[in-house]
Amino acid sequence: MLLDLEACERAGVEVVKRRSGGGLVYLAPKRHIWIDVVIARGDILWSDDVVLSAQWLGDAWCRALATLGHRDLRVHREATVQTQLGRLICFTGSGAGEVYCGNHKLVGISQRRTSKLARFQCTIHRAWEPQQLLNLLSDEARDVVAINGGSAAMSDLVATTSHDAETVMAALVDQLQTL
């Protein structure tokens, strides 16, 4: 078990399992922006290759975030890079199409695919406070974090945006409409 369920209950944190798999994701009100983008199989943007399939979306995110003042943006254009810490905590790994600001992940993207559509679940942190997540981990999971540099290492992995959800969504929609 990766989580201390009693600690989650005490903190009022609801635990759900996401179908797209991957490591733990901690979402808190007003600290994250979550935007889903869905395309149909017949869309010109569709690719059966899961590494290529999210790159167009990462490019759109880069253009959108650049209009909001973010700089030094790049899209991860390779297969998922999964470290021991990344297998435990989602945002600490690198997935295809995800956006980085320098060496810090700014946009996380997970994919859910069916024979008819692809759903890209995108998350941006407005605040990254890894200690809140670490407080919910089981002792075994905390040991994995400690072996991989602890909370100090996690603090340096994520970029944030100061913009609200409406502003970010509007910037992304503007870019998606140009495709």
C-alpha atoms as a PDB file:
ATOM      1  CA  MET A   1       0.000   0.000   0.000  1.00  0.00           C
ATOM      2  CA  LEU A   2       1.416   3.362  -1.051  1.00  0.00           C
ATOM      3  CA  LEU A   3      -0.884   5.492   1.064  1.00  0.00           C
ATOM      4  CA  ASP A   4      -1.546   5.677   4.766  1.00  0.00           C
ATOM      5  CA  LEU A   5      -5.331   5.539   4.505  1.00  0.00           C
ATOM      6  CA  GLU A   6      -5.792   6.676   8.098  1.00  0.00           C
ATOM      7  CA  ALA A   7      -3.666   9.773   7.393  1.00  0.00           C
ATOM      8  CA  CYS A   8      -5.758  10.443   4.276  1.00  0.00           C
ATOM      9  CA  GLU A   9      -8.966  10.155   6.286  1.00  0.00           C
ATOM     10  CA  ARG A  10      -7.664  12.484   9.013  1.00  0.00           C
ATOM     11  CA  ALA A  11      -6.682  15.033   6.344  1.00  0.00           C
ATOM     12  CA  GLY A  12     -10.065  14.748   4.614  1.00  0.00           C
ATOM     13  CA  VAL A  13      -8.429  13.476   1.426  1.00  0.00           C
ATOM     14  CA  GLU A  14     -10.590  11.300  -0.800  1.00  0.00           C
ATOM     15  CA  VAL A  15      -8.690   8.415  -2.393  1.00  0.00           C
ATOM     16  CA  VAL A  16      -9.707   7.230  -5.847  1.00  0.00           C
ATOM     17  CA  LYS A  17      -7.969   5.033  -8.402  1.00  0.00           C
ATOM     18  CA  ARG A  18      -7.551   6.541 -11.842  1.00  0.00           C
ATOM     19  CA  ARG A  19      -7.873   4.273 -14.816  1.00  0.00           C
ATOM     20  CA  SER A  20      -4.945   5.729 -16.754  1.00  0.00           C
ATOM     21  CA  GLY A  21      -2.516   4.191 -14.295  1.00  0.00           C
ATOM     22  CA  GLY A  22       0.778   5.702 -13.213  1.00  0.00           C
ATOM     23  CA  GLY A  23       1.932   6.996  -9.870  1.00  0.00           C
ATOM     24  CA  LEU A  24       0.051   8.892  -7.214  1.00  0.00           C
ATOM     25  CA  VAL A  25      -1.603  12.179  -8.133  1.00  0.00           C
ATOM     26  CA  TYR A  26      -2.520  14.627  -5.380  1.00  0.00           C
ATOM     27  CA  LEU A  27      -5.120  17.226  -6.344  1.00  0.00           C
ATOM     28  CA  ALA A  28      -6.321  20.019  -4.084  1.00  0.00           C
ATOM     29  CA  PRO A  29      -8.866  22.780  -4.685  1.00  0.00           C
ATOM     30  CA  LYS A  30      -7.375  25.911  -6.290  1.00  0.00           C
ATOM     31  CA  ARG A  31      -3.898  24.354  -6.332  1.00  0.00           C
ATOM     32  CA  HIS A  32      -4.311  22.532  -9.632  1.00  0.00           C
ATOM     33  CA  ILE A  33      -5.805  23.127 -13.029  1.00  0.00           C
ATOM     34  CA  TRP A  34      -7.244  20.023 -14.688  1.00  0.00           C
ATOM     35  CA  ILE A  35      -8.273  20.170 -18.347  1.00  0.00           C
ATOM     36  CA  ASP A  36      -9.379  17.195 -20.461  1.00  0.00           C
ATOM     37  CA  VAL A  37      -8.968  17.232 -24.242  1.00  0.00           C
ATOM     38  CA  VAL A  38     -10.737  14.564 -26.309  1.00  0.00           C
ATOM     39  CA  ILE A  39     -10.278  13.658 -29.975  1.00  0.00           C
ATOM     40  CA  ALA A  40     -11.981  11.013 -32.107  1.00  0.00           C
ATOM     41  CA  ARG A  41     -10.074   8.275 -33.892  1.00  0.00           C
ATOM     42  CA  GLY A  42     -10.744   9.854 -37.288  1.00  0.00           C
ATOM     43  CA  ASP A  43      -9.331  13.247 -36.258  1.00  0.00           C
ATOM     44  CA  ILE A  44      -6.306  14.448 -38.239  1.00  0.00           C
ATOM     45  CA  LEU A  45      -4.444  14.742 -34.915  1.00  0.00           C
ATOM     46  CA  TRP A  46      -4.941  11.055 -34.050  1.00  0.00           C
ATOM     47  CA  SER A  47      -1.923   8.771 -33.880  1.00  0.00           C
ATOM     48  CA  ASP A  48      -1.870   5.104 -32.922  1.00  0.00           C
ATOM     49  CA  ASP A  49       1.641   5.670 -31.563  1.00  0.00           C
ATOM     50  CA  VAL A  50       1.177   6.714 -27.921  1.00  0.00           C
ATOM     51  CA  VAL A  51       4.532   8.528 -27.922  1.00  0.00           C
ATOM     52  CA  LEU A  52       3.508  10.694 -30.877  1.00  0.00           C
ATOM     53  CA  SER A  53      -0.154  10.998 -29.964  1.00  0.00           C
ATOM     54  CA  ALA A  54       0.226  13.733 -27.325  1.00  0.00           C
ATOM     55  CA  GLN A  55       2.986  15.787 -28.939  1.00  0.00           C
ATOM     56  CA  TRP A  56       0.573  18.066 -30.819  1.00  0.00           C
ATOM     57  CA  LEU A  57      -1.144  18.765 -27.510  1.00  0.00           C
ATOM     58  CA  GLY A  58       2.168  19.520 -25.795  1.00  0.00           C
ATOM     59  CA  ASP A  59       2.979  21.934 -28.629  1.00  0.00           C
ATOM     60  CA  ALA A  60      -0.399  23.655 -28.168  1.00  0.00           C
ATOM     61  CA  TRP A  61       0.257  23.915 -24.431  1.00  0.00           C
ATOM     62  CA  CYS A  62       3.671  25.510 -25.097  1.00  0.00           C
ATOM     63  CA  ARG A  63       2.142  28.136 -27.380  1.00  0.00           C
ATOM     64  CA  ALA A  64      -0.678  28.826 -24.904  1.00  0.00           C
ATOM     65  CA  LEU A  65       1.627  29.127 -21.904  1.00  0.00           C
ATOM     66  CA  ALA A  66       4.046  31.335 -23.842  1.00  0.00           C
ATOM     67  CA  THR A  67       1.199  33.809 -24.382  1.00  0.00           C
ATOM     68  CA  LEU A  68       0.841  33.887 -20.580  1.00  0.00           C
ATOM     69  CA  GLY A  69       4.501  34.726 -20.070  1.00  0.00           C
ATOM     70  CA  HIS A  70       6.039  31.305 -19.427  1.00  0.00           C
ATOM     71  CA  ARG A  71       9.468  30.902 -21.040  1.00  0.00           C
ATOM     72  CA  ASP A  72      11.985  28.117 -21.743  1.00  0.00           C
ATOM     73  CA  LEU A  73       9.184  25.666 -22.603  1.00  0.00           C
ATOM     74  CA  ARG A  74       9.738  22.292 -24.251  1.00  0.00           C
ATOM     75  CA  VAL A  75       7.733  19.166 -24.985  1.00  0.00           C
ATOM     76  CA  HIS A  76       8.930  15.716 -23.880  1.00  0.00           C
ATOM     77  CA  ARG A  77       9.050  13.893 -27.240  1.00  0.00           C
ATOM     78  CA  GLU A  78      10.199  10.472 -26.107  1.00  0.00           C
ATOM     79  CA  ALA A  79       8.652   7.480 -24.428  1.00  0.00           C
ATOM     80  CA  THR A  80       7.827   7.671 -20.745  1.00  0.00           C
ATOM     81  CA  VAL A  81      10.881   7.984 -18.520  1.00  0.00           C
ATOM     82  CA  GLN A  82      10.012   6.138 -15.345  1.00  0.00           C
ATOM     83  CA  THR A  83      12.248   6.379 -12.315  1.00  0.00           C
ATOM     84  CA  GLN A  84      11.556   4.679  -8.999  1.00  0.00           C
ATOM     85  CA  LEU A  85      10.196   7.975  -7.699  1.00  0.00           C
ATOM     86  CA  GLY A  86       8.165   8.484 -10.898  1.00  0.00           C
ATOM     87  CA  ARG A  87       6.477   5.115 -10.479  1.00  0.00           C
ATOM     88  CA  LEU A  88       5.426   6.256  -7.014  1.00  0.00           C
ATOM     89  CA  ILE A  89       4.455   9.900  -7.673  1.00  0.00           C
ATOM     90  CA  CYS A  90       3.160  10.698 -11.135  1.00  0.00           C
ATOM     91  CA  PHE A  91       4.356  14.255 -11.591  1.00  0.00           C
ATOM     92  CA  THR A  92       7.975  13.236 -10.930  1.00  0.00           C
ATOM     93  CA  GLY A  93       8.202  11.109 -14.111  1.00  0.00           C
ATOM     94  CA  SER A  94       8.261  12.211 -17.768  1.00  0.00           C
ATOM     95  CA  GLY A  95       5.572  11.236 -20.261  1.00  0.00           C
ATOM     96  CA  ALA A  96       5.123  11.838 -23.964  1.00  0.00           C
ATOM     97  CA  GLY A  97       3.733  15.280 -24.746  1.00  0.00           C
ATOM     98  CA  GLU A  98       4.302  16.683 -21.271  1.00  0.00           C
ATOM     99  CA  VAL A  99       5.551  20.259 -21.033  1.00  0.00           C
ATOM    100  CA  TYR A 100       8.608  21.431 -19.147  1.00  0.00           C
ATOM    101  CA  CYS A 101       9.695  24.875 -18.121  1.00  0.00           C
ATOM    102  CA  GLY A 102      13.449  24.415 -18.013  1.00  0.00           C
ATOM    103  CA  ASN A 103      13.922  21.133 -16.135  1.00  0.00           C
ATOM    104  CA  HIS A 104      10.662  21.417 -14.204  1.00  0.00           C
ATOM    105  CA  LYS A 105       7.425  19.760 -15.305  1.00  0.00           C
ATOM    106  CA  LEU A 106       4.686  22.307 -15.917  1.00  0.00           C
ATOM    107  CA  VAL A 107       1.991  20.255 -17.678  1.00  0.00           C
ATOM    108  CA  GLY A 108       1.386  16.589 -16.926  1.00  0.00           C
ATOM    109  CA  ILE A 109      -0.587  14.590 -19.485  1.00  0.00           C
ATOM    110  CA  SER A 110      -2.076  11.126 -19.140  1.00  0.00           C
ATOM    111  CA  GLN A 111      -3.946   9.301 -21.891  1.00  0.00           C
ATOM    112  CA  ARG A 112      -7.019   7.135 -21.858  1.00  0.00           C
ATOM    113  CA  ARG A 113      -7.660   5.497 -25.212  1.00  0.00           C
ATOM    114  CA  THR A 114     -10.489   3.439 -26.636  1.00  0.00           C
ATOM    115  CA  SER A 115     -11.079   2.205 -30.152  1.00  0.00           C
ATOM    116  CA  LYS A 116     -13.069   5.399 -30.819  1.00  0.00           C
ATOM    117  CA  LEU A 117     -11.361   8.230 -28.924  1.00  0.00           C
ATOM    118  CA  ALA A 118      -8.353   9.472 -27.001  1.00  0.00           C
ATOM    119  CA  ARG A 119      -8.794  11.467 -23.814  1.00  0.00           C
ATOM    120  CA  PHE A 120      -5.844  13.513 -22.643  1.00  0.00           C
ATOM    121  CA  GLN A 121      -6.040  14.495 -18.982  1.00  0.00           C
ATOM    122  CA  CYS A 122      -3.848  17.536 -18.395  1.00  0.00           C
ATOM    123  CA  THR A 123      -2.803  18.957 -15.044  1.00  0.00           C
ATOM    124  CA  ILE A 124      -0.888  22.087 -14.109  1.00  0.00           C
ATOM    125  CA  HIS A 125       0.098  22.954 -10.563  1.00  0.00           C
ATOM    126  CA  ARG A 126      -0.719  26.407  -9.257  1.00  0.00           C
ATOM    127  CA  ALA A 127       1.080  25.429  -6.043  1.00  0.00           C
ATOM    128  CA  TRP A 128       3.480  22.529  -5.535  1.00  0.00           C
ATOM    129  CA  GLU A 129       3.780  21.549  -1.915  1.00  0.00           C
ATOM    130  CA  PRO A 130       5.133  17.995  -1.891  1.00  0.00           C
ATOM    131  CA  GLN A 131       5.060  17.764   1.889  1.00  0.00           C
ATOM    132  CA  GLN A 132       1.252  17.594   1.771  1.00  0.00           C
ATOM    133  CA  LEU A 133       1.497  14.455  -0.351  1.00  0.00           C
ATOM    134  CA  LEU A 134       4.401  13.024   1.651  1.00  0.00           C
ATOM    135  CA  ASN A 135       2.302  13.289   4.824  1.00  0.00           C
ATOM    136  CA  LEU A 136      -0.201  10.870   3.263  1.00  0.00           C
ATOM    137  CA  LEU A 137       2.280   8.177   2.215  1.00  0.00           C
ATOM    138  CA  SER A 138       2.801   4.841   3.892  1.00  0.00           C
ATOM    139  CA  ASP A 139       6.116   4.260   5.657  1.00  0.00           C
ATOM    140  CA  GLU A 140       7.262   2.079   2.731  1.00  0.00           C
ATOM    141  CA  ALA A 141       6.498   4.807   0.199  1.00  0.00           C
ATOM    142  CA  ARG A 142       8.244   7.432   2.357  1.00  0.00           C
ATOM    143  CA  ASP A 143      11.331   5.212   2.315  1.00  0.00           C
ATOM    144  CA  VAL A 144      11.289   5.260  -1.512  1.00  0.00           C
ATOM    145  CA  VAL A 145      11.084   9.058  -1.469  1.00  0.00           C
ATOM    146  CA  ALA A 146      13.928   9.280   1.061  1.00  0.00           C
ATOM    147  CA  ILE A 147      16.152   7.005  -1.042  1.00  0.00           C
ATOM    148  CA  ASN A 148      15.495   9.282  -4.033  1.00  0.00           C
ATOM    149  CA  GLY A 149      16.438  12.572  -2.389  1.00  0.00           C
ATOM    150  CA  GLY A 150      13.460  13.214  -0.123  1.00  0.00           C
ATOM    151  CA  SER A 151      11.141  16.192  -0.175  1.00  0.00           C
ATOM    152  CA  ALA A 152      13.993  18.533  -1.166  1.00  0.00           C
ATOM    153  CA  ALA A 153      14.472  16.614  -4.436  1.00  0.00           C
ATOM    154  CA  MET A 154      10.716  16.596  -5.061  1.00  0.00           C
ATOM    155  CA  SER A 155      10.475  20.345  -4.466  1.00  0.00           C
ATOM    156  CA  ASP A 156      12.747  21.003  -7.432  1.00  0.00           C
ATOM    157  CA  LEU A 157      10.841  18.889  -9.978  1.00  0.00           C
ATOM    158  CA  VAL A 158       7.717  20.912 -10.675  1.00  0.00           C
ATOM    159  CA  ALA A 159       7.002  24.318 -12.202  1.00  0.00           C
ATOM    160  CA  THR A 160       3.813  26.200 -11.370  1.00  0.00           C
ATOM    161  CA  THR A 161       1.654  28.856 -12.942  1.00  0.00           C
ATOM    162  CA  SER A 162       0.192  31.859 -11.186  1.00  0.00           C
ATOM    163  CA  HIS A 163      -2.713  32.081 -13.636  1.00  0.00           C
ATOM    164  CA  ASP A 164      -6.233  30.955 -12.772  1.00  0.00           C
ATOM    165  CA  ALA A 165      -7.997  28.086 -14.520  1.00  0.00           C
ATOM    166  CA  GLU A 166     -10.145  30.318 -16.728  1.00  0.00           C
ATOM    167  CA  THR A 167      -7.128  32.214 -18.069  1.00  0.00           C
ATOM    168  CA  VAL A 168      -5.163  29.035 -18.758  1.00  0.00           C
ATOM    169  CA  MET A 169      -8.128  27.323 -20.402  1.00  0.00           C
ATOM    170  CA  ALA A 170      -8.830  30.326 -22.627  1.00  0.00           C
ATOM    171  CA  ALA A 171      -5.195  30.417 -23.756  1.00  0.00           C
ATOM    172  CA  LEU A 172      -5.255  26.684 -24.548  1.00  0.00           C
ATOM    173  CA  VAL A 173      -8.595  26.881 -26.380  1.00  0.00           C
ATOM    174  CA  ASP A 174      -7.211  29.746 -28.502  1.00  0.00           C
ATOM    175  CA  GLN A 175      -4.327  27.505 -29.549  1.00  0.00           C
ATOM    176  CA  LEU A 176      -6.473  24.429 -30.135  1.00  0.00           C
ATOM    177  CA  GLN A 177      -8.727  26.436 -32.438  1.00  0.00           C
ATOM    178  CA  THR A 178      -5.770  27.065 -34.737  1.00  0.00           C
ATOM    179  CA  LEU A 179      -5.195  23.346 -35.357  1.00  0.00           C
END
